[in-house]
C-alpha atoms as a PDB file:
ATOM      1  CA  UNK A   1      12.195 -41.065  -8.166  1.00  0.00           C
ATOM      2  CA  UNK A   2      15.871 -41.326  -7.212  1.00  0.00           C
ATOM      3  CA  UNK A   3      18.372 -39.373  -9.298  1.00  0.00           C
ATOM      4  CA  UNK A   4      22.044 -40.275  -9.546  1.00  0.00           C
ATOM      5  CA  UNK A   5      24.856 -38.457 -11.301  1.00  0.00           C
ATOM      6  CA  UNK A   6      27.401 -40.937 -12.627  1.00  0.00           C
ATOM      7  CA  UNK A   7      30.887 -39.662 -13.510  1.00  0.00           C
ATOM      8  CA  UNK A   8      32.464 -42.049 -16.009  1.00  0.00           C
ATOM      9  CA  UNK A   9      36.052 -42.630 -17.161  1.00  0.00           C
ATOM     10  CA  UNK A  10      36.322 -44.311 -20.553  1.00  0.00           C
ATOM     11  CA  UNK A  11      38.758 -45.294 -23.258  1.00  0.00           C
ATOM     12  CA  UNK A  12      39.383 -41.899 -24.843  1.00  0.00           C
ATOM     13  CA  UNK A  13      39.285 -43.250 -28.386  1.00  0.00           C
ATOM     14  CA  UNK A  14      35.742 -44.642 -27.891  1.00  0.00           C
ATOM     15  CA  UNK A  15      33.946 -41.811 -26.050  1.00  0.00           C
ATOM     16  CA  UNK A  16      31.181 -41.248 -28.659  1.00  0.00           C
ATOM     17  CA  UNK A  17      30.389 -44.960 -29.022  1.00  0.00           C
ATOM     18  CA  UNK A  18      30.366 -45.542 -25.274  1.00  0.00           C
ATOM     19  CA  UNK A  19      28.174 -42.469 -24.720  1.00  0.00           C
ATOM     20  CA  UNK A  20      25.638 -43.772 -27.244  1.00  0.00           C
ATOM     21  CA  UNK A  21      25.554 -47.205 -25.583  1.00  0.00           C
ATOM     22  CA  UNK A  22      25.017 -45.681 -22.151  1.00  0.00           C
ATOM     23  CA  UNK A  23      22.330 -43.300 -23.440  1.00  0.00           C
ATOM     24  CA  UNK A  24      20.432 -46.265 -24.883  1.00  0.00           C
ATOM     25  CA  UNK A  25      20.141 -47.948 -21.465  1.00  0.00           C
ATOM     26  CA  UNK A  26      16.840 -47.932 -19.628  1.00  0.00           C
ATOM     27  CA  UNK A  27      16.825 -45.455 -16.703  1.00  0.00           C
ATOM     28  CA  UNK A  28      19.544 -43.286 -18.251  1.00  0.00           C
ATOM     29  CA  UNK A  29      17.982 -39.931 -19.135  1.00  0.00           C
ATOM     30  CA  UNK A  30      21.034 -38.022 -20.439  1.00  0.00           C
ATOM     31  CA  UNK A  31      24.711 -38.531 -21.142  1.00  0.00           C
ATOM     32  CA  UNK A  32      27.097 -35.596 -21.407  1.00  0.00           C
ATOM     33  CA  UNK A  33      30.578 -35.624 -22.920  1.00  0.00           C
ATOM     34  CA  UNK A  34      32.638 -33.314 -20.688  1.00  0.00           C
ATOM     35  CA  UNK A  35      36.100 -31.917 -20.096  1.00  0.00           C
ATOM     36  CA  UNK A  36      38.102 -32.595 -16.960  1.00  0.00           C
ATOM     37  CA  UNK A  37      38.907 -35.692 -14.945  1.00  0.00           C
ATOM     38  CA  UNK A  38      35.955 -37.673 -16.299  1.00  0.00           C
ATOM     39  CA  UNK A  39      34.944 -38.264 -19.908  1.00  0.00           C
ATOM     40  CA  UNK A  40      31.182 -38.673 -19.525  1.00  0.00           C
ATOM     41  CA  UNK A  41      28.452 -37.788 -17.053  1.00  0.00           C
ATOM     42  CA  UNK A  42      25.252 -39.832 -17.049  1.00  0.00           C
ATOM     43  CA  UNK A  43      21.991 -38.947 -15.331  1.00  0.00           C
ATOM     44  CA  UNK A  44      20.299 -42.072 -13.971  1.00  0.00           C
ATOM     45  CA  UNK A  45      16.756 -42.066 -12.592  1.00  0.00           C
ATOM     46  CA  UNK A  46      15.282 -45.094 -10.818  1.00  0.00           C
ATOM     47  CA  UNK A  47      12.374 -45.854  -8.496  1.00  0.00           C
ATOM     48  CA  UNK A  48      14.358 -47.576  -5.720  1.00  0.00           C
ATOM     49  CA  UNK A  49      17.931 -47.412  -4.429  1.00  0.00           C
ATOM     50  CA  UNK A  50      18.382 -51.107  -5.204  1.00  0.00           C
ATOM     51  CA  UNK A  51      17.769 -50.345  -8.876  1.00  0.00           C
ATOM     52  CA  UNK A  52      20.959 -48.259  -8.972  1.00  0.00           C
ATOM     53  CA  UNK A  53      23.006 -51.443  -8.558  1.00  0.00           C
ATOM     54  CA  UNK A  54      21.327 -52.959 -11.587  1.00  0.00           C
ATOM     55  CA  UNK A  55      21.918 -49.898 -13.772  1.00  0.00           C
ATOM     56  CA  UNK A  56      25.362 -48.659 -12.756  1.00  0.00           C
ATOM     57  CA  UNK A  57      27.593 -51.648 -11.911  1.00  0.00           C
ATOM     58  CA  UNK A  58      25.202 -54.050 -13.624  1.00  0.00           C
ATOM     59  CA  UNK A  59      25.024 -52.326 -17.006  1.00  0.00           C
ATOM     60  CA  UNK A  60      27.064 -49.120 -17.342  1.00  0.00           C
ATOM     61  CA  UNK A  61      30.274 -50.553 -15.860  1.00  0.00           C
ATOM     62  CA  UNK A  62      30.035 -53.647 -18.071  1.00  0.00           C
ATOM     63  CA  UNK A  63      30.116 -51.680 -21.342  1.00  0.00           C
ATOM     64  CA  UNK A  64      33.475 -52.324 -23.032  1.00  0.00           C
ATOM     65  CA  UNK A  65      35.661 -49.250 -22.681  1.00  0.00           C
ATOM     66  CA  UNK A  66      34.171 -48.033 -19.385  1.00  0.00           C
ATOM     67  CA  UNK A  67      37.164 -47.858 -17.062  1.00  0.00           C
ATOM     68  CA  UNK A  68      35.513 -46.594 -13.891  1.00  0.00           C
ATOM     69  CA  UNK A  69      32.562 -44.753 -12.371  1.00  0.00           C
ATOM     70  CA  UNK A  70      31.955 -42.405  -9.459  1.00  0.00           C
ATOM     71  CA  UNK A  71      28.293 -42.146  -8.438  1.00  0.00           C
ATOM     72  CA  UNK A  72      26.591 -39.300  -6.575  1.00  0.00           C
ATOM     73  CA  UNK A  73      23.002 -39.812  -5.382  1.00  0.00           C
ATOM     74  CA  UNK A  74      20.889 -36.668  -5.201  1.00  0.00           C
ATOM     75  CA  UNK A  75      19.083 -35.796  -1.962  1.00  0.00           C
ATOM     76  CA  UNK A  76      16.752 -33.428  -3.819  1.00  0.00           C
ATOM     77  CA  UNK A  77      16.330 -32.309  -7.392  1.00  0.00           C
ATOM     78  CA  UNK A  78      15.908 -28.637  -8.246  1.00  0.00           C
ATOM     79  CA  UNK A  79      15.002 -27.705 -11.788  1.00  0.00           C
ATOM     80  CA  UNK A  80      14.101 -24.417 -13.450  1.00  0.00           C
ATOM     81  CA  UNK A  81      11.499 -26.337 -15.441  1.00  0.00           C
ATOM     82  CA  UNK A  82       9.933 -27.698 -12.236  1.00  0.00           C
ATOM     83  CA  UNK A  83       9.955 -24.258 -10.593  1.00  0.00           C
ATOM     84  CA  UNK A  84       8.192 -22.655 -13.567  1.00  0.00           C
ATOM     85  CA  UNK A  85       5.499 -25.355 -13.491  1.00  0.00           C
ATOM     86  CA  UNK A  86       4.982 -24.908  -9.736  1.00  0.00           C
ATOM     87  CA  UNK A  87       4.517 -21.144 -10.018  1.00  0.00           C
ATOM     88  CA  UNK A  88       2.081 -21.594 -12.925  1.00  0.00           C
ATOM     89  CA  UNK A  89      -0.350 -23.733 -10.896  1.00  0.00           C
ATOM     90  CA  UNK A  90      -3.744 -22.075 -10.787  1.00  0.00           C
ATOM     91  CA  UNK A  91      -2.892 -19.349 -13.278  1.00  0.00           C
ATOM     92  CA  UNK A  92      -5.022 -18.901 -16.366  1.00  0.00           C
ATOM     93  CA  UNK A  93      -3.144 -18.437 -19.626  1.00  0.00           C
END
C-alpha cells in the first residue's frame, strides 16, 4: 500500500464543503482542516504509484474550489496502532 500526504489550497469560503467532497473519494482515508499555508491535508492510500495520478490530479484537483496541491509520498508508514499490534503478536490476553 502506498501512502501519500496531499497538502491542499482551497477557496477559503468553501473549506468544509471541499473537505467533505475529498473525504468521499475512494482511496482517501482522512481529510484534515488545518492552519498554516494549506487549508486541508488529505491522506491517500493506493496500491500502485500510477493510481496516485488518478486520485490526486484526476479527482482531487478537479473539485471546484481546489486551487492547488502539494503531494508527499511516504517511504514508510509508522503508526502507534501498528506498533501495538506487532508487540501483541503471540501474547495471550
